[in-house]
Amino acid sequence: MIKSCATTAGKLALLKGQVTPDARFKLALYTSAADLGPNTEKYTSVGEVVGQNYKPLDLPSPSYKVVGREAYLGFKGEAKWQNSTIEADGALFYVESLDNLALFVVAFPDTVRSTNHEFVVSLIEEFFKI
């Protein structure tokens, strides 16, 4: 089961100041066979998508934003897998440079597919409320 959340390990790393803008962030895709949620500590290949032109993608540096009394961490733009054949039910944002620390899990509402086409995940600037 994939449950959308900020992981406990990710929250702790953010509070300790371990997650910095110069870290290497990645995005991995998963099938419904994955077990991802608040207790996910690290990137795992268990339940990860296997498909044409798929591998976890590098993400841009995160954006940090304050709106009123709330602070957000997010990413701008899109993550794209070109000419891919993929079926995914969720995603994991992780920090490769922190021993593959899991930050956020996203469950898609439905299975998303691409067949020899571009697979796109839209990134959100105000993704995670700190």
C-alpha atoms as a PDB file:
ATOM      1  CA  MET A   1       0.000   0.000   0.000  1.00  0.00           C
ATOM      2  CA  ILE A   2       1.197   3.498  -0.794  1.00  0.00           C
ATOM      3  CA  LYS A   3       0.153   6.252   1.618  1.00  0.00           C
ATOM      4  CA  SER A   4       0.786   9.932   0.820  1.00  0.00           C
ATOM      5  CA  CYS A   5       2.769  11.557   3.619  1.00  0.00           C
ATOM      6  CA  ALA A   6       5.954  13.137   4.803  1.00  0.00           C
ATOM      7  CA  THR A   7       8.005  10.326   6.287  1.00  0.00           C
ATOM      8  CA  THR A   8       8.953  10.366   9.965  1.00  0.00           C
ATOM      9  CA  ALA A   9      12.648  10.040   9.033  1.00  0.00           C
ATOM     10  CA  GLY A  10      12.306  12.952   6.589  1.00  0.00           C
ATOM     11  CA  LYS A  11      10.628  15.195   9.166  1.00  0.00           C
ATOM     12  CA  LEU A  12      13.363  14.467  11.691  1.00  0.00           C
ATOM     13  CA  ALA A  13      16.124  15.206   9.153  1.00  0.00           C
ATOM     14  CA  LEU A  14      14.433  18.508   8.226  1.00  0.00           C
ATOM     15  CA  LEU A  15      14.144  19.523  11.893  1.00  0.00           C
ATOM     16  CA  LYS A  16      17.818  18.676  12.472  1.00  0.00           C
ATOM     17  CA  GLY A  17      18.836  20.799   9.480  1.00  0.00           C
ATOM     18  CA  GLN A  18      20.307  17.818   7.634  1.00  0.00           C
ATOM     19  CA  VAL A  19      18.293  18.446   4.457  1.00  0.00           C
ATOM     20  CA  THR A  20      19.982  21.321   2.670  1.00  0.00           C
ATOM     21  CA  PRO A  21      19.363  22.903  -0.763  1.00  0.00           C
ATOM     22  CA  ASP A  22      22.636  21.498  -2.112  1.00  0.00           C
ATOM     23  CA  ALA A  23      21.616  17.891  -1.355  1.00  0.00           C
ATOM     24  CA  ARG A  24      20.948  15.491  -4.277  1.00  0.00           C
ATOM     25  CA  PHE A  25      17.190  14.895  -4.469  1.00  0.00           C
ATOM     26  CA  LYS A  26      15.642  12.047  -6.481  1.00  0.00           C
ATOM     27  CA  LEU A  27      12.201  10.824  -7.481  1.00  0.00           C
ATOM     28  CA  ALA A  28      11.372   7.110  -7.841  1.00  0.00           C
ATOM     29  CA  LEU A  29       8.108   5.576  -9.098  1.00  0.00           C
ATOM     30  CA  TYR A  30       6.305   2.585  -7.594  1.00  0.00           C
ATOM     31  CA  THR A  31       3.629   0.026  -8.364  1.00  0.00           C
ATOM     32  CA  SER A  32       0.749  -0.903  -6.074  1.00  0.00           C
ATOM     33  CA  ALA A  33       2.943  -3.756  -4.770  1.00  0.00           C
ATOM     34  CA  ALA A  34       5.076  -1.215  -2.850  1.00  0.00           C
ATOM     35  CA  ASP A  35       4.670  -0.651   0.874  1.00  0.00           C
ATOM     36  CA  LEU A  36       5.430   3.069   1.345  1.00  0.00           C
ATOM     37  CA  GLY A  37       4.247   5.374   4.110  1.00  0.00           C
ATOM     38  CA  PRO A  38       5.274   7.312   7.221  1.00  0.00           C
ATOM     39  CA  ASN A  39       7.649   4.570   8.395  1.00  0.00           C
ATOM     40  CA  THR A  40       9.576   4.422   5.111  1.00  0.00           C
ATOM     41  CA  GLU A  41      13.128   5.431   6.029  1.00  0.00           C
ATOM     42  CA  LYS A  42      15.070   4.997   2.789  1.00  0.00           C
ATOM     43  CA  TYR A  43      14.668   4.537  -0.940  1.00  0.00           C
ATOM     44  CA  THR A  44      13.909   0.916  -1.767  1.00  0.00           C
ATOM     45  CA  SER A  45      13.729  -0.982  -5.023  1.00  0.00           C
ATOM     46  CA  VAL A  46      10.980  -3.254  -3.630  1.00  0.00           C
ATOM     47  CA  GLY A  47       7.823  -2.481  -5.595  1.00  0.00           C
ATOM     48  CA  GLU A  48       9.662   0.026  -7.789  1.00  0.00           C
ATOM     49  CA  VAL A  49       8.556   0.428 -11.389  1.00  0.00           C
ATOM     50  CA  VAL A  50      10.412  -1.572 -14.026  1.00  0.00           C
ATOM     51  CA  GLY A  51       9.995  -0.252 -17.542  1.00  0.00           C
ATOM     52  CA  GLN A  52      11.494   1.112 -20.704  1.00  0.00           C
ATOM     53  CA  ASN A  53      13.658   4.209 -20.053  1.00  0.00           C
ATOM     54  CA  TYR A  54      12.855   4.233 -16.340  1.00  0.00           C
ATOM     55  CA  LYS A  55      15.305   5.003 -13.561  1.00  0.00           C
ATOM     56  CA  PRO A  56      14.918   7.340 -10.564  1.00  0.00           C
ATOM     57  CA  LEU A  57      15.278  10.952 -11.727  1.00  0.00           C
ATOM     58  CA  ASP A  58      17.424  13.734 -10.330  1.00  0.00           C
ATOM     59  CA  LEU A  59      15.333  16.638  -9.067  1.00  0.00           C
ATOM     60  CA  PRO A  60      16.189  20.331  -9.032  1.00  0.00           C
ATOM     61  CA  SER A  61      17.123  22.005  -5.761  1.00  0.00           C
ATOM     62  CA  PRO A  62      14.043  22.480  -3.604  1.00  0.00           C
ATOM     63  CA  SER A  63      12.266  25.756  -3.130  1.00  0.00           C
ATOM     64  CA  TYR A  64      11.538  27.073   0.337  1.00  0.00           C
ATOM     65  CA  LYS A  65       8.599  29.413   0.784  1.00  0.00           C
ATOM     66  CA  VAL A  66       6.801  31.100   3.664  1.00  0.00           C
ATOM     67  CA  VAL A  67       3.116  31.928   3.289  1.00  0.00           C
ATOM     68  CA  GLY A  68       1.701  33.716   6.320  1.00  0.00           C
ATOM     69  CA  ARG A  69       2.745  31.609   9.304  1.00  0.00           C
ATOM     70  CA  GLU A  70       3.438  28.422   7.347  1.00  0.00           C
ATOM     71  CA  ALA A  71       6.665  27.284   5.693  1.00  0.00           C
ATOM     72  CA  TYR A  72       6.830  24.973   2.672  1.00  0.00           C
ATOM     73  CA  LEU A  73       9.412  22.877   0.911  1.00  0.00           C
ATOM     74  CA  GLY A  74       8.748  21.913  -2.696  1.00  0.00           C
ATOM     75  CA  PHE A  75      10.120  21.528  -6.183  1.00  0.00           C
ATOM     76  CA  LYS A  76       9.432  23.555  -9.331  1.00  0.00           C
ATOM     77  CA  GLY A  77       8.780  22.192 -12.797  1.00  0.00           C
ATOM     78  CA  GLU A  78       8.217  18.664 -13.996  1.00  0.00           C
ATOM     79  CA  ALA A  79       9.938  15.302 -13.700  1.00  0.00           C
ATOM     80  CA  LYS A  80       9.921  13.634 -17.133  1.00  0.00           C
ATOM     81  CA  TRP A  81      10.803  10.181 -18.354  1.00  0.00           C
ATOM     82  CA  GLN A  82      11.112  10.394 -22.159  1.00  0.00           C
ATOM     83  CA  ASN A  83       9.912   7.601 -24.502  1.00  0.00           C
ATOM     84  CA  SER A  84       9.007   5.439 -21.538  1.00  0.00           C
ATOM     85  CA  THR A  85       6.736   2.503 -20.923  1.00  0.00           C
ATOM     86  CA  ILE A  86       5.736   2.784 -17.267  1.00  0.00           C
ATOM     87  CA  GLU A  87       2.807   1.917 -14.990  1.00  0.00           C
ATOM     88  CA  ALA A  88       2.997   3.670 -11.622  1.00  0.00           C
ATOM     89  CA  ASP A  89       0.744   4.013  -8.581  1.00  0.00           C
ATOM     90  CA  GLY A  90       2.925   6.319  -6.502  1.00  0.00           C
ATOM     91  CA  ALA A  91       6.258   8.026  -5.985  1.00  0.00           C
ATOM     92  CA  LEU A  92       8.980   8.516  -3.412  1.00  0.00           C
ATOM     93  CA  PHE A  93      10.966  11.746  -3.052  1.00  0.00           C
ATOM     94  CA  TYR A  94      14.295  10.935  -1.433  1.00  0.00           C
ATOM     95  CA  VAL A  95      17.704  12.448  -0.696  1.00  0.00           C
ATOM     96  CA  GLU A  96      20.417  10.413  -2.375  1.00  0.00           C
ATOM     97  CA  SER A  97      23.180  12.375  -0.662  1.00  0.00           C
ATOM     98  CA  LEU A  98      21.774  11.478   2.790  1.00  0.00           C
ATOM     99  CA  ASP A  99      22.070   7.713   2.334  1.00  0.00           C
ATOM    100  CA  ASN A 100      18.830   7.624   0.269  1.00  0.00           C
ATOM    101  CA  LEU A 101      16.733   9.190   3.050  1.00  0.00           C
ATOM    102  CA  ALA A 102      12.990   9.005   2.259  1.00  0.00           C
ATOM    103  CA  LEU A 103      11.300  12.429   2.478  1.00  0.00           C
ATOM    104  CA  PHE A 104       7.810  12.251   0.956  1.00  0.00           C
ATOM    105  CA  VAL A 105       5.524   9.560  -0.379  1.00  0.00           C
ATOM    106  CA  VAL A 106       2.820  10.328  -2.936  1.00  0.00           C
ATOM    107  CA  ALA A 107       0.009   7.911  -3.792  1.00  0.00           C
ATOM    108  CA  PHE A 108      -1.516   8.568  -7.218  1.00  0.00           C
ATOM    109  CA  PRO A 109      -5.356   8.463  -7.328  1.00  0.00           C
ATOM    110  CA  ASP A 110      -5.183   5.850 -10.115  1.00  0.00           C
ATOM    111  CA  THR A 111      -2.532   3.891 -11.968  1.00  0.00           C
ATOM    112  CA  VAL A 112      -0.749   6.226 -14.385  1.00  0.00           C
ATOM    113  CA  ARG A 113       0.567   4.722 -17.625  1.00  0.00           C
ATOM    114  CA  SER A 114       2.749   5.633 -20.556  1.00  0.00           C
ATOM    115  CA  THR A 115       3.554   3.463 -23.573  1.00  0.00           C
ATOM    116  CA  ASN A 116       6.530   4.644 -25.628  1.00  0.00           C
ATOM    117  CA  HIS A 117       5.614   8.141 -24.543  1.00  0.00           C
ATOM    118  CA  GLU A 118       6.579  10.797 -22.046  1.00  0.00           C
ATOM    119  CA  PHE A 119       5.683  10.079 -18.400  1.00  0.00           C
ATOM    120  CA  VAL A 120       5.370  13.346 -16.451  1.00  0.00           C
ATOM    121  CA  VAL A 121       5.061  14.110 -12.741  1.00  0.00           C
ATOM    122  CA  SER A 122       4.204  17.747 -12.072  1.00  0.00           C
ATOM    123  CA  LEU A 123       6.196  19.115  -9.158  1.00  0.00           C
ATOM    124  CA  ILE A 124       4.613  21.506  -6.671  1.00  0.00           C
ATOM    125  CA  GLU A 125       6.388  24.468  -5.110  1.00  0.00           C
ATOM    126  CA  GLU A 126       4.287  24.370  -1.926  1.00  0.00           C
ATOM    127  CA  PHE A 127       4.452  20.605  -1.544  1.00  0.00           C
ATOM    128  CA  PHE A 128       5.363  19.926   2.073  1.00  0.00           C
ATOM    129  CA  LYS A 129       4.198  22.099   4.929  1.00  0.00           C
ATOM    130  CA  ILE A 130       6.925  22.350   7.554  1.00  0.00           C
END
